[in-house]
Amino acid sequence: MLLCGWHIQRNFISKFSGMSKRNKKIYDMVLNLPFISCEKKLEEILEEIFASEDLTETEINYLNVKLQAKERWAKCRTKLSFCGGVCTTSRIEGLHAILKRQLNSNSSLQKLFNCFRQIEETQLEKFTEEYNRHAKKSAEIDAVPLKEIKNKFSEYIYKKLAPKFSKALNYILEKDRKFNTW
């Protein structure tokens, strides 16, 4: 079970409000913890946070308790689990609001499925708009795994996975400065 990154951040705002006056840089680092997507970067930032003399004992204890469950809220950890790209509950709450507006206890099964279809179409539209805003657009890919996905799953799933698949196939090799290798 994953925890909402936005809600974790709200809790940090509440618990570290005094820190914003003492050390704004550390305060901002704490607030960004749920959304750091690189494990190494998270560890570096945590090291810097804990090295700060501006943390109170209460803040240190609170942060340590939260870090015990970081697999459930830290983006660098949650991305290891399939969550459909949802790291905040606002997306889910938005979908629930649509269901609540359109359905009631007397709704037919057909109306329920039509509602799901409408939600899927809306999400696909939003994704298409978002994807078209990016400067680098991937060309359509007809790789075998994507063909299988397209045949077995909805268009929405296919449209969400195709750019990620393309990006994965098109990574440019960069020289690793530390090991001087590719």
N, C-alpha and C. Protein backbone atom coordinates (compact mmCIF):
# COMPACT_ATOMS: atom_id res chain seq x y z
N MET A 1 0.83 -1.17 0.00
CA MET A 1 0.00 0.00 0.00
C MET A 1 0.88 1.24 0.00
N LEU A 2 0.68 2.11 -0.97
CA LEU A 2 1.47 3.33 -1.09
C LEU A 2 0.79 4.48 -0.37
N LEU A 3 1.60 5.41 0.07
CA LEU A 3 1.08 6.62 0.70
C LEU A 3 1.19 7.78 -0.28
N CYS A 4 0.28 8.72 -0.17
CA CYS A 4 0.23 9.86 -1.07
C CYS A 4 1.39 10.82 -0.79
N GLY A 5 2.19 11.09 -1.83
CA GLY A 5 3.31 12.02 -1.69
C GLY A 5 2.87 13.41 -1.28
N TRP A 6 1.73 13.85 -1.80
CA TRP A 6 1.22 15.18 -1.48
C TRP A 6 0.85 15.26 0.00
N HIS A 7 0.21 14.22 0.53
CA HIS A 7 -0.17 14.22 1.94
C HIS A 7 1.06 14.13 2.85
N ILE A 8 2.05 13.37 2.44
CA ILE A 8 3.30 13.31 3.22
C ILE A 8 3.93 14.70 3.26
N GLN A 9 3.93 15.37 2.12
CA GLN A 9 4.50 16.72 2.06
C GLN A 9 3.72 17.67 2.98
N ARG A 10 2.41 17.56 3.01
CA ARG A 10 1.57 18.39 3.91
C ARG A 10 1.94 18.13 5.36
N ASN A 11 2.18 16.87 5.71
CA ASN A 11 2.60 16.54 7.07
C ASN A 11 3.96 17.17 7.38
N PHE A 12 4.88 17.14 6.42
CA PHE A 12 6.20 17.75 6.60
C PHE A 12 6.05 19.26 6.83
N ILE A 13 5.16 19.90 6.07
CA ILE A 13 4.93 21.34 6.23
C ILE A 13 4.49 21.64 7.66
N SER A 14 3.58 20.81 8.14
CA SER A 14 3.07 21.00 9.50
C SER A 14 4.15 20.77 10.55
N LYS A 15 4.89 19.68 10.44
CA LYS A 15 5.88 19.30 11.46
C LYS A 15 7.16 20.14 11.42
N PHE A 16 7.49 20.69 10.23
CA PHE A 16 8.75 21.43 10.08
C PHE A 16 8.52 22.92 9.86
N SER A 17 7.36 23.43 10.28
CA SER A 17 7.05 24.85 10.05
C SER A 17 8.08 25.77 10.71
N GLY A 18 8.58 25.40 11.87
CA GLY A 18 9.60 26.20 12.54
C GLY A 18 10.91 26.23 11.77
N MET A 19 11.18 25.16 11.07
CA MET A 19 12.42 25.08 10.28
C MET A 19 12.44 26.12 9.17
N SER A 20 11.27 26.49 8.65
CA SER A 20 11.22 27.46 7.55
C SER A 20 11.82 28.79 7.97
N LYS A 21 11.75 29.11 9.25
CA LYS A 21 12.32 30.37 9.75
C LYS A 21 13.80 30.22 10.08
N ARG A 22 14.18 29.03 10.56
CA ARG A 22 15.57 28.80 10.98
C ARG A 22 16.50 28.55 9.80
N ASN A 23 16.05 27.73 8.84
CA ASN A 23 16.91 27.37 7.71
C ASN A 23 16.01 27.01 6.52
N LYS A 24 15.74 27.97 5.68
CA LYS A 24 14.83 27.80 4.54
C LYS A 24 15.32 26.72 3.57
N LYS A 25 16.62 26.63 3.37
CA LYS A 25 17.17 25.64 2.44
C LYS A 25 16.86 24.21 2.91
N ILE A 26 17.11 23.93 4.18
CA ILE A 26 16.83 22.60 4.73
C ILE A 26 15.33 22.33 4.73
N TYR A 27 14.55 23.35 5.06
CA TYR A 27 13.09 23.22 5.04
C TYR A 27 12.61 22.79 3.65
N ASP A 28 13.10 23.46 2.61
CA ASP A 28 12.72 23.11 1.24
C ASP A 28 13.16 21.69 0.87
N MET A 29 14.32 21.29 1.34
CA MET A 29 14.81 19.94 1.08
C MET A 29 13.87 18.90 1.70
N VAL A 30 13.44 19.16 2.93
CA VAL A 30 12.53 18.23 3.61
C VAL A 30 11.22 18.13 2.84
N LEU A 31 10.69 19.26 2.39
CA LEU A 31 9.42 19.26 1.66
C LEU A 31 9.49 18.51 0.34
N ASN A 32 10.66 18.48 -0.27
CA ASN A 32 10.82 17.81 -1.56
C ASN A 32 11.12 16.31 -1.44
N LEU A 33 11.34 15.81 -0.25
CA LEU A 33 11.69 14.40 -0.07
C LEU A 33 10.73 13.42 -0.76
N PRO A 34 9.41 13.60 -0.70
CA PRO A 34 8.52 12.60 -1.31
C PRO A 34 8.65 12.50 -2.83
N PHE A 35 9.22 13.52 -3.47
CA PHE A 35 9.20 13.56 -4.93
C PHE A 35 10.58 13.39 -5.58
N ILE A 36 11.57 12.99 -4.81
CA ILE A 36 12.91 12.75 -5.36
C ILE A 36 12.90 11.38 -6.02
N SER A 37 13.27 11.33 -7.29
CA SER A 37 13.14 10.08 -8.04
C SER A 37 14.43 9.26 -8.11
N CYS A 38 15.51 9.74 -7.53
CA CYS A 38 16.79 9.01 -7.57
C CYS A 38 17.20 8.65 -6.13
N GLU A 39 17.42 7.38 -5.90
CA GLU A 39 17.78 6.88 -4.56
C GLU A 39 19.05 7.55 -4.04
N LYS A 40 20.04 7.68 -4.91
CA LYS A 40 21.32 8.29 -4.51
C LYS A 40 21.11 9.75 -4.09
N LYS A 41 20.31 10.47 -4.87
CA LYS A 41 20.02 11.87 -4.56
C LYS A 41 19.28 11.97 -3.23
N LEU A 42 18.33 11.07 -2.99
CA LEU A 42 17.61 11.06 -1.72
C LEU A 42 18.57 10.89 -0.56
N GLU A 43 19.48 9.94 -0.67
CA GLU A 43 20.45 9.69 0.40
C GLU A 43 21.35 10.90 0.63
N GLU A 44 21.78 11.56 -0.45
CA GLU A 44 22.63 12.75 -0.32
C GLU A 44 21.88 13.87 0.40
N ILE A 45 20.62 14.07 0.03
CA ILE A 45 19.82 15.13 0.64
C ILE A 45 19.55 14.81 2.12
N LEU A 46 19.24 13.55 2.41
CA LEU A 46 19.02 13.17 3.81
C LEU A 46 20.28 13.38 4.65
N GLU A 47 21.42 13.08 4.07
CA GLU A 47 22.68 13.29 4.77
C GLU A 47 22.87 14.77 5.10
N GLU A 48 22.56 15.63 4.12
CA GLU A 48 22.68 17.07 4.34
C GLU A 48 21.66 17.56 5.37
N ILE A 49 20.45 17.03 5.33
CA ILE A 49 19.42 17.43 6.29
C ILE A 49 19.85 17.05 7.70
N PHE A 50 20.30 15.81 7.88
CA PHE A 50 20.67 15.36 9.22
C PHE A 50 21.97 16.02 9.72
N ALA A 51 22.79 16.52 8.80
CA ALA A 51 24.02 17.21 9.19
C ALA A 51 23.72 18.62 9.69
N SER A 52 22.54 19.12 9.38
CA SER A 52 22.16 20.47 9.80
C SER A 52 21.97 20.53 11.30
N GLU A 53 22.48 21.59 11.91
CA GLU A 53 22.33 21.79 13.34
C GLU A 53 21.00 22.48 13.67
N ASP A 54 20.24 22.82 12.64
CA ASP A 54 18.98 23.54 12.84
C ASP A 54 17.79 22.62 13.15
N LEU A 55 17.97 21.31 13.00
CA LEU A 55 16.89 20.38 13.31
C LEU A 55 16.74 20.20 14.81
N THR A 56 15.51 20.21 15.26
CA THR A 56 15.26 19.93 16.67
C THR A 56 15.21 18.42 16.87
N GLU A 57 15.28 18.00 18.11
CA GLU A 57 15.21 16.57 18.42
C GLU A 57 13.87 15.98 17.96
N THR A 58 12.80 16.73 18.13
CA THR A 58 11.47 16.29 17.72
C THR A 58 11.41 16.10 16.20
N GLU A 59 11.99 17.04 15.47
CA GLU A 59 12.01 16.95 14.00
C GLU A 59 12.84 15.76 13.53
N ILE A 60 13.95 15.52 14.18
CA ILE A 60 14.80 14.38 13.83
C ILE A 60 14.04 13.08 14.07
N ASN A 61 13.40 12.97 15.22
CA ASN A 61 12.63 11.75 15.54
C ASN A 61 11.49 11.54 14.55
N TYR A 62 10.77 12.61 14.22
CA TYR A 62 9.66 12.51 13.28
C TYR A 62 10.15 12.05 11.91
N LEU A 63 11.23 12.65 11.45
CA LEU A 63 11.79 12.28 10.14
C LEU A 63 12.26 10.83 10.14
N ASN A 64 12.89 10.39 11.21
CA ASN A 64 13.34 9.00 11.29
C ASN A 64 12.17 8.02 11.24
N VAL A 65 11.07 8.36 11.90
CA VAL A 65 9.88 7.50 11.86
C VAL A 65 9.33 7.44 10.44
N LYS A 66 9.25 8.58 9.78
CA LYS A 66 8.74 8.61 8.40
C LYS A 66 9.66 7.83 7.45
N LEU A 67 10.96 7.93 7.67
CA LEU A 67 11.91 7.25 6.79
C LEU A 67 11.87 5.73 6.94
N GLN A 68 11.36 5.24 8.05
CA GLN A 68 11.23 3.80 8.21
C GLN A 68 10.24 3.22 7.19
N ALA A 69 9.33 4.04 6.72
CA ALA A 69 8.32 3.59 5.75
C ALA A 69 8.51 4.27 4.40
N LYS A 70 9.73 4.70 4.07
CA LYS A 70 9.95 5.44 2.82
C LYS A 70 9.61 4.62 1.58
N GLU A 71 9.60 3.29 1.68
CA GLU A 71 9.22 2.45 0.54
C GLU A 71 7.79 2.71 0.11
N ARG A 72 7.00 3.28 1.02
CA ARG A 72 5.59 3.51 0.74
C ARG A 72 5.29 4.92 0.24
N TRP A 73 6.27 5.87 0.35
CA TRP A 73 5.97 7.23 -0.07
C TRP A 73 7.07 7.92 -0.88
N ALA A 74 8.31 7.52 -0.76
CA ALA A 74 9.40 8.17 -1.50
C ALA A 74 9.36 7.72 -2.96
N LYS A 75 9.31 8.66 -3.87
CA LYS A 75 9.16 8.35 -5.30
C LYS A 75 10.24 7.41 -5.80
N CYS A 76 11.47 7.58 -5.32
CA CYS A 76 12.56 6.71 -5.78
C CYS A 76 12.30 5.26 -5.37
N ARG A 77 11.50 5.05 -4.35
CA ARG A 77 11.18 3.69 -3.91
C ARG A 77 9.86 3.21 -4.50
N THR A 78 8.86 4.10 -4.59
CA THR A 78 7.54 3.68 -5.07
C THR A 78 7.56 3.38 -6.56
N LYS A 79 8.50 3.97 -7.28
CA LYS A 79 8.54 3.70 -8.72
C LYS A 79 8.98 2.27 -9.02
N LEU A 80 9.48 1.57 -8.01
CA LEU A 80 9.85 0.17 -8.18
C LEU A 80 8.62 -0.73 -8.18
N SER A 81 7.49 -0.20 -7.71
CA SER A 81 6.23 -0.94 -7.70
C SER A 81 5.31 -0.37 -8.77
N PHE A 82 4.47 -1.21 -9.34
CA PHE A 82 3.51 -0.70 -10.31
C PHE A 82 2.42 0.06 -9.60
N CYS A 83 2.28 1.33 -9.95
CA CYS A 83 1.22 2.15 -9.36
C CYS A 83 0.49 2.94 -10.44
N GLY A 84 0.73 2.60 -11.70
CA GLY A 84 0.02 3.26 -12.80
C GLY A 84 0.34 4.73 -12.91
N GLY A 85 1.50 5.15 -12.43
CA GLY A 85 1.87 6.55 -12.52
C GLY A 85 1.21 7.44 -11.48
N VAL A 86 0.51 6.86 -10.54
CA VAL A 86 -0.21 7.64 -9.53
C VAL A 86 0.61 7.66 -8.24
N CYS A 87 1.09 8.84 -7.86
CA CYS A 87 1.84 8.95 -6.61
C CYS A 87 1.14 9.89 -5.63
N THR A 88 0.02 10.46 -6.06
CA THR A 88 -0.77 11.29 -5.17
C THR A 88 -2.22 10.83 -5.25
N THR A 89 -2.93 11.04 -4.18
CA THR A 89 -4.33 10.58 -4.17
C THR A 89 -5.24 11.53 -4.93
N SER A 90 -4.75 12.71 -5.30
CA SER A 90 -5.62 13.66 -5.99
C SER A 90 -6.13 13.10 -7.31
N ARG A 91 -5.32 12.34 -8.01
CA ARG A 91 -5.79 11.74 -9.26
C ARG A 91 -6.92 10.74 -9.00
N ILE A 92 -6.73 9.93 -7.98
CA ILE A 92 -7.74 8.93 -7.65
C ILE A 92 -9.00 9.63 -7.13
N GLU A 93 -8.81 10.65 -6.29
CA GLU A 93 -9.96 11.39 -5.77
C GLU A 93 -10.73 12.06 -6.90
N GLY A 94 -10.02 12.55 -7.91
CA GLY A 94 -10.67 13.15 -9.06
C GLY A 94 -11.53 12.15 -9.81
N LEU A 95 -11.01 10.94 -9.97
CA LEU A 95 -11.78 9.89 -10.65
C LEU A 95 -12.98 9.47 -9.81
N HIS A 96 -12.81 9.42 -8.50
CA HIS A 96 -13.94 9.09 -7.63
C HIS A 96 -15.03 10.16 -7.71
N ALA A 97 -14.62 11.42 -7.84
CA ALA A 97 -15.60 12.51 -7.95
C ALA A 97 -16.45 12.34 -9.21
N ILE A 98 -15.83 11.92 -10.31
CA ILE A 98 -16.58 11.69 -11.55
C ILE A 98 -17.58 10.57 -11.35
N LEU A 99 -17.13 9.48 -10.73
CA LEU A 99 -18.03 8.36 -10.48
C LEU A 99 -19.20 8.78 -9.58
N LYS A 100 -18.89 9.55 -8.56
CA LYS A 100 -19.93 9.97 -7.61
C LYS A 100 -20.97 10.87 -8.29
N ARG A 101 -20.51 11.75 -9.19
CA ARG A 101 -21.43 12.64 -9.90
C ARG A 101 -22.36 11.88 -10.84
N GLN A 102 -21.85 10.84 -11.46
CA GLN A 102 -22.61 10.17 -12.52
C GLN A 102 -23.35 8.92 -12.06
N LEU A 103 -22.97 8.37 -10.93
CA LEU A 103 -23.58 7.11 -10.50
C LEU A 103 -24.24 7.26 -9.13
N ASN A 104 -25.24 6.43 -8.91
CA ASN A 104 -25.85 6.33 -7.59
C ASN A 104 -26.21 4.86 -7.36
N SER A 105 -26.88 4.57 -6.28
CA SER A 105 -27.17 3.17 -5.95
C SER A 105 -28.15 2.52 -6.93
N ASN A 106 -28.87 3.32 -7.70
CA ASN A 106 -29.82 2.78 -8.68
C ASN A 106 -29.23 2.68 -10.08
N SER A 107 -27.96 3.03 -10.26
CA SER A 107 -27.35 2.99 -11.59
C SER A 107 -27.22 1.56 -12.09
N SER A 108 -27.43 1.42 -13.37
CA SER A 108 -27.31 0.09 -13.99
C SER A 108 -25.85 -0.25 -14.23
N LEU A 109 -25.59 -1.51 -14.45
CA LEU A 109 -24.24 -1.97 -14.75
C LEU A 109 -23.75 -1.34 -16.06
N GLN A 110 -24.64 -1.20 -17.00
CA GLN A 110 -24.29 -0.58 -18.28
C GLN A 110 -23.85 0.87 -18.06
N LYS A 111 -24.55 1.59 -17.19
CA LYS A 111 -24.17 2.98 -16.90
C LYS A 111 -22.80 3.03 -16.23
N LEU A 112 -22.52 2.06 -15.36
CA LEU A 112 -21.21 1.98 -14.71
C LEU A 112 -20.10 1.81 -15.75
N PHE A 113 -20.30 0.86 -16.68
CA PHE A 113 -19.28 0.63 -17.71
C PHE A 113 -19.13 1.83 -18.64
N ASN A 114 -20.23 2.50 -18.94
CA ASN A 114 -20.16 3.71 -19.76
C ASN A 114 -19.38 4.81 -19.04
N CYS A 115 -19.57 4.88 -17.74
CA CYS A 115 -18.84 5.86 -16.94
C CYS A 115 -17.33 5.55 -16.97
N PHE A 116 -16.98 4.28 -16.81
CA PHE A 116 -15.56 3.89 -16.90
C PHE A 116 -14.97 4.24 -18.26
N ARG A 117 -15.74 3.99 -19.30
CA ARG A 117 -15.28 4.31 -20.65
C ARG A 117 -15.05 5.82 -20.79
N GLN A 118 -15.96 6.61 -20.25
CA GLN A 118 -15.84 8.07 -20.31
C GLN A 118 -14.59 8.54 -19.56
N ILE A 119 -14.35 7.96 -18.39
CA ILE A 119 -13.16 8.31 -17.62
C ILE A 119 -11.90 7.98 -18.42
N GLU A 120 -11.88 6.80 -19.03
CA GLU A 120 -10.73 6.39 -19.82
C GLU A 120 -10.50 7.34 -20.99
N GLU A 121 -11.56 7.73 -21.67
CA GLU A 121 -11.44 8.66 -22.80
C GLU A 121 -10.91 10.03 -22.34
N THR A 122 -11.42 10.49 -21.20
CA THR A 122 -10.96 11.77 -20.65
C THR A 122 -9.47 11.70 -20.31
N GLN A 123 -9.05 10.62 -19.66
CA GLN A 123 -7.65 10.45 -19.29
C GLN A 123 -6.77 10.38 -20.54
N LEU A 124 -7.25 9.69 -21.56
CA LEU A 124 -6.50 9.57 -22.81
C LEU A 124 -6.34 10.94 -23.46
N GLU A 125 -7.39 11.73 -23.45
CA GLU A 125 -7.33 13.09 -24.00
C GLU A 125 -6.30 13.93 -23.26
N LYS A 126 -6.35 13.88 -21.93
CA LYS A 126 -5.40 14.64 -21.10
C LYS A 126 -3.97 14.20 -21.38
N PHE A 127 -3.78 12.90 -21.48
CA PHE A 127 -2.44 12.38 -21.74
C PHE A 127 -1.94 12.83 -23.11
N THR A 128 -2.81 12.77 -24.11
CA THR A 128 -2.43 13.17 -25.46
C THR A 128 -2.02 14.64 -25.48
N GLU A 129 -2.80 15.50 -24.80
CA GLU A 129 -2.45 16.92 -24.72
C GLU A 129 -1.10 17.11 -24.03
N GLU A 130 -0.90 16.40 -22.93
CA GLU A 130 0.36 16.50 -22.18
C GLU A 130 1.53 16.02 -23.04
N TYR A 131 1.35 14.93 -23.72
CA TYR A 131 2.42 14.36 -24.55
C TYR A 131 2.77 15.30 -25.70
N ASN A 132 1.76 15.92 -26.29
CA ASN A 132 2.01 16.83 -27.42
C ASN A 132 2.70 18.12 -26.99
N ARG A 133 2.66 18.45 -25.70
CA ARG A 133 3.34 19.65 -25.21
C ARG A 133 4.85 19.45 -25.08
N HIS A 134 5.29 18.22 -25.00
CA HIS A 134 6.72 17.95 -24.84
C HIS A 134 7.48 18.32 -26.11
N ALA A 135 8.67 18.87 -25.90
CA ALA A 135 9.49 19.28 -27.04
C ALA A 135 9.96 18.06 -27.85
N LYS A 136 10.39 17.03 -27.15
CA LYS A 136 10.86 15.82 -27.84
C LYS A 136 9.71 14.83 -27.90
N LYS A 137 9.23 14.59 -29.08
CA LYS A 137 8.13 13.63 -29.24
C LYS A 137 8.70 12.37 -29.87
N SER A 138 8.34 11.25 -29.33
CA SER A 138 8.79 9.98 -29.87
C SER A 138 7.96 9.64 -31.10
N ALA A 139 8.62 9.05 -32.06
CA ALA A 139 7.89 8.58 -33.23
C ALA A 139 7.05 7.37 -32.82
N GLU A 140 6.02 7.09 -33.58
CA GLU A 140 5.20 5.91 -33.28
C GLU A 140 6.09 4.67 -33.32
N ILE A 141 5.92 3.84 -32.37
CA ILE A 141 6.73 2.63 -32.27
C ILE A 141 5.84 1.43 -32.53
N ASP A 142 6.33 0.51 -33.34
CA ASP A 142 5.59 -0.71 -33.60
C ASP A 142 6.42 -1.92 -33.16
N ALA A 143 7.07 -1.78 -32.01
CA ALA A 143 7.86 -2.88 -31.49
C ALA A 143 6.94 -4.01 -31.06
N VAL A 144 7.44 -5.21 -31.11
CA VAL A 144 6.64 -6.39 -30.79
C VAL A 144 5.98 -6.32 -29.41
N PRO A 145 6.71 -5.95 -28.33
CA PRO A 145 6.03 -5.88 -27.03
C PRO A 145 4.87 -4.89 -27.03
N LEU A 146 5.05 -3.77 -27.73
CA LEU A 146 3.97 -2.79 -27.77
C LEU A 146 2.79 -3.28 -28.60
N LYS A 147 3.04 -4.05 -29.61
CA LYS A 147 1.94 -4.63 -30.39
C LYS A 147 1.11 -5.54 -29.50
N GLU A 148 1.79 -6.32 -28.68
CA GLU A 148 1.09 -7.21 -27.76
C GLU A 148 0.25 -6.41 -26.76
N ILE A 149 0.84 -5.34 -26.24
CA ILE A 149 0.11 -4.49 -25.30
C ILE A 149 -1.09 -3.86 -25.98
N LYS A 150 -0.89 -3.40 -27.21
CA LYS A 150 -1.99 -2.75 -27.95
C LYS A 150 -3.13 -3.73 -28.20
N ASN A 151 -2.78 -4.99 -28.46
CA ASN A 151 -3.81 -5.99 -28.73
C ASN A 151 -4.54 -6.45 -27.47
N LYS A 152 -3.86 -6.45 -26.33
CA LYS A 152 -4.43 -7.00 -25.11
C LYS A 152 -5.07 -5.95 -24.20
N PHE A 153 -4.62 -4.70 -24.29
CA PHE A 153 -5.08 -3.69 -23.36
C PHE A 153 -5.74 -2.52 -24.09
N SER A 154 -6.28 -1.60 -23.31
CA SER A 154 -6.99 -0.46 -23.89
C SER A 154 -6.02 0.51 -24.55
N GLU A 155 -6.58 1.41 -25.33
CA GLU A 155 -5.78 2.42 -26.02
C GLU A 155 -5.08 3.32 -25.01
N TYR A 156 -5.76 3.59 -23.91
CA TYR A 156 -5.18 4.44 -22.87
C TYR A 156 -3.87 3.85 -22.35
N ILE A 157 -3.89 2.57 -22.02
CA ILE A 157 -2.68 1.89 -21.51
C ILE A 157 -1.58 1.95 -22.57
N TYR A 158 -1.95 1.68 -23.81
CA TYR A 158 -0.96 1.70 -24.89
C TYR A 158 -0.34 3.10 -25.02
N LYS A 159 -1.18 4.13 -25.01
CA LYS A 159 -0.68 5.50 -25.18
C LYS A 159 0.20 5.92 -24.01
N LYS A 160 -0.07 5.41 -22.82
CA LYS A 160 0.76 5.73 -21.66
C LYS A 160 2.12 5.04 -21.74
N LEU A 161 2.14 3.81 -22.25
CA LEU A 161 3.38 3.04 -22.26
C LEU A 161 4.27 3.32 -23.47
N ALA A 162 3.70 3.66 -24.61
CA ALA A 162 4.48 3.83 -25.84
C ALA A 162 5.61 4.85 -25.69
N PRO A 163 5.36 6.05 -25.16
CA PRO A 163 6.47 7.00 -25.04
C PRO A 163 7.56 6.54 -24.07
N LYS A 164 7.15 5.88 -22.98
CA LYS A 164 8.13 5.38 -22.02
C LYS A 164 8.98 4.28 -22.65
N PHE A 165 8.33 3.44 -23.42
CA PHE A 165 9.04 2.37 -24.12
C PHE A 165 10.03 2.97 -25.12
N SER A 166 9.57 3.99 -25.84
CA SER A 166 10.42 4.67 -26.81
C SER A 166 11.62 5.30 -26.13
N LYS A 167 11.37 5.97 -25.02
CA LYS A 167 12.45 6.62 -24.28
C LYS A 167 13.47 5.59 -23.81
N ALA A 168 12.98 4.45 -23.34
CA ALA A 168 13.87 3.39 -22.86
C ALA A 168 14.75 2.86 -23.98
N LEU A 169 14.19 2.80 -25.19
CA LEU A 169 14.97 2.29 -26.32
C LEU A 169 15.92 3.32 -26.91
N ASN A 170 15.69 4.58 -26.63
CA ASN A 170 16.46 5.65 -27.26
C ASN A 170 17.43 6.36 -26.32
N TYR A 171 17.76 5.76 -25.19
CA TYR A 171 18.71 6.40 -24.31
C TYR A 171 20.05 6.55 -25.02
N ILE A 172 20.66 7.69 -24.82
CA ILE A 172 21.98 7.94 -25.39
C ILE A 172 23.01 7.49 -24.36
N LEU A 173 23.99 6.76 -24.80
CA LEU A 173 25.04 6.34 -23.87
C LEU A 173 25.86 7.55 -23.47
N GLU A 174 26.07 7.70 -22.19
CA GLU A 174 26.88 8.79 -21.69
C GLU A 174 28.05 8.22 -20.92
N LYS A 175 29.15 8.90 -21.02
CA LYS A 175 30.35 8.43 -20.34
C LYS A 175 30.19 8.66 -18.84
N ASP A 176 30.49 7.62 -18.06
CA ASP A 176 30.44 7.71 -16.62
C ASP A 176 31.77 8.30 -16.16
N ARG A 177 31.71 9.49 -15.58
CA ARG A 177 32.94 10.19 -15.19
C ARG A 177 33.70 9.44 -14.11
N LYS A 178 32.97 8.81 -13.21
CA LYS A 178 33.60 8.13 -12.09
C LYS A 178 34.42 6.93 -12.55
N PHE A 179 33.84 6.11 -13.44
CA PHE A 179 34.52 4.90 -13.86
C PHE A 179 35.14 5.02 -15.26
N ASN A 180 34.93 6.18 -15.90
CA ASN A 180 35.46 6.43 -17.22
C ASN A 180 35.06 5.34 -18.21
N THR A 181 33.83 4.92 -18.14
CA THR A 181 33.31 3.92 -19.06
C THR A 181 31.99 4.41 -19.65
N TRP A 182 31.49 3.70 -20.61
CA TRP A 182 30.20 4.05 -21.23
C TRP A 182 29.10 3.30 -20.56
